Amino acid sequence: MKRAIGAVLNKWPGKERFGVYRFLPLFFIFGAALEFTMIKWEFHGVNFFILQTSSFSLLLHFVLFLNMDISFIIDETYKRRKAEEIIAWELKENVK
């Protein structure tokens, strides 16, 4: 099996010119196919794209699977957002 894989890899074109980098197009195609399937393949009505774009996916994980209290996360996020708004408002006022 190891010799068969080595034989296939040695027959791949561009060995002298590109070296190891000759396999890059193969990895780009594999990566694109993997990402496409992660977006399109649904499991129980949820796919990877919906899960990743959901802003509450991490919070839901804490609540549903770990039964954790997430009030400290919400408080810290709210305080950080308020601080950013105040700083942005002060910078905007100082520019005028």
Protein backbone atom coordinates (compact mmCIF):
# COMPACT_ATOMS: atom_id res chain seq x y z
CA MET A 1 0.00 0.00 0.00
CA LYS A 2 2.82 2.39 0.89
CA ARG A 3 4.58 1.68 -2.41
CA ALA A 4 1.36 2.21 -4.36
CA ILE A 5 0.83 5.62 -2.77
CA GLY A 6 4.48 6.52 -3.39
CA ALA A 7 4.16 5.48 -7.03
CA VAL A 8 1.06 7.64 -7.52
CA LEU A 9 2.73 10.61 -5.84
CA ASN A 10 5.85 10.23 -7.97
CA LYS A 11 3.77 10.13 -11.17
CA TRP A 12 2.05 13.41 -10.28
CA PRO A 13 3.31 16.02 -12.80
CA GLY A 14 5.52 18.96 -11.89
CA LYS A 15 7.89 17.26 -9.47
CA GLU A 16 11.05 18.98 -10.72
CA ARG A 17 9.55 22.43 -11.19
CA PHE A 18 7.19 22.77 -8.21
CA GLY A 19 8.37 20.10 -5.77
CA VAL A 20 5.96 19.54 -2.90
CA TYR A 21 3.87 22.55 -3.97
CA ARG A 22 2.55 20.66 -6.99
CA PHE A 23 -0.16 19.23 -4.74
CA LEU A 24 -1.59 22.67 -3.83
CA PRO A 25 -4.37 22.59 -6.46
CA LEU A 26 -5.48 19.24 -5.08
CA PHE A 27 -5.72 20.67 -1.57
CA PHE A 28 -7.57 23.77 -2.81
CA ILE A 29 -10.13 21.57 -4.55
CA PHE A 30 -10.45 19.32 -1.49
CA GLY A 31 -10.93 22.35 0.79
CA ALA A 32 -13.56 23.88 -1.48
CA ALA A 33 -15.44 20.59 -1.68
CA LEU A 34 -15.31 20.20 2.10
CA GLU A 35 -16.61 23.72 2.68
CA PHE A 36 -19.36 23.24 0.09
CA THR A 37 -20.54 20.04 1.75
CA MET A 38 -20.44 21.65 5.19
CA ILE A 39 -22.70 24.44 3.95
CA LYS A 40 -25.08 22.30 1.89
CA TRP A 41 -25.32 19.11 3.97
CA GLU A 42 -28.02 19.33 6.63
CA PHE A 43 -28.27 17.11 9.68
CA HIS A 44 -31.60 17.34 11.50
CA GLY A 45 -32.33 20.65 9.78
CA VAL A 46 -29.07 22.31 10.85
CA ASN A 47 -25.96 22.75 8.78
CA PHE A 48 -22.51 24.10 9.60
CA PHE A 49 -23.17 27.47 7.97
CA ILE A 50 -26.30 28.15 10.04
CA LEU A 51 -24.54 27.02 13.20
CA GLN A 52 -21.50 29.20 12.64
CA THR A 53 -23.44 32.30 11.60
CA SER A 54 -25.71 32.09 14.61
CA SER A 55 -24.55 34.63 17.16
CA PHE A 56 -26.02 32.57 19.97
CA SER A 57 -24.58 29.18 19.03
CA LEU A 58 -21.94 29.28 21.76
CA LEU A 59 -24.43 30.49 24.35
CA LEU A 60 -26.87 27.76 23.35
CA HIS A 61 -24.11 25.21 23.75
CA PHE A 62 -23.42 26.44 27.28
CA VAL A 63 -27.08 26.45 28.26
CA LEU A 64 -28.33 23.28 26.56
CA PHE A 65 -25.40 20.93 26.84
CA LEU A 66 -23.43 22.13 29.85
CA ASN A 67 -26.31 23.58 31.90
CA MET A 68 -24.20 26.63 32.70
CA ASP A 69 -25.33 30.02 33.90
CA ILE A 70 -24.45 32.47 31.12
CA SER A 71 -25.44 35.70 32.84
CA PHE A 72 -21.76 36.59 33.38
CA ILE A 73 -21.11 36.27 29.63
CA ILE A 74 -24.08 38.45 28.76
CA ASP A 75 -23.09 41.08 31.37
CA GLU A 76 -19.49 41.25 30.11
CA THR A 77 -20.61 41.48 26.48
CA TYR A 78 -23.07 44.26 27.32
CA LYS A 79 -20.46 46.21 29.28
CA ARG A 80 -17.90 45.84 26.47
CA ARG A 81 -20.40 46.96 23.85
CA LYS A 82 -21.45 49.99 25.95
CA ALA A 83 -17.79 50.95 26.50
CA GLU A 84 -17.13 50.72 22.75
CA GLU A 85 -20.17 52.90 22.04
CA ILE A 86 -19.02 55.54 24.54
CA ILE A 87 -15.51 55.61 23.12
CA ALA A 88 -16.84 55.86 19.56
CA TRP A 89 -19.16 58.71 20.58
CA GLU A 90 -16.31 60.59 22.33
CA LEU A 91 -14.03 60.15 19.32
CA LYS A 92 -16.78 61.39 17.03
CA GLU A 93 -17.34 64.45 19.23
CA ASN A 94 -13.60 65.23 19.40
CA VAL A 95 -13.25 65.09 15.61
CA LYS A 96 -15.88 67.79 15.11
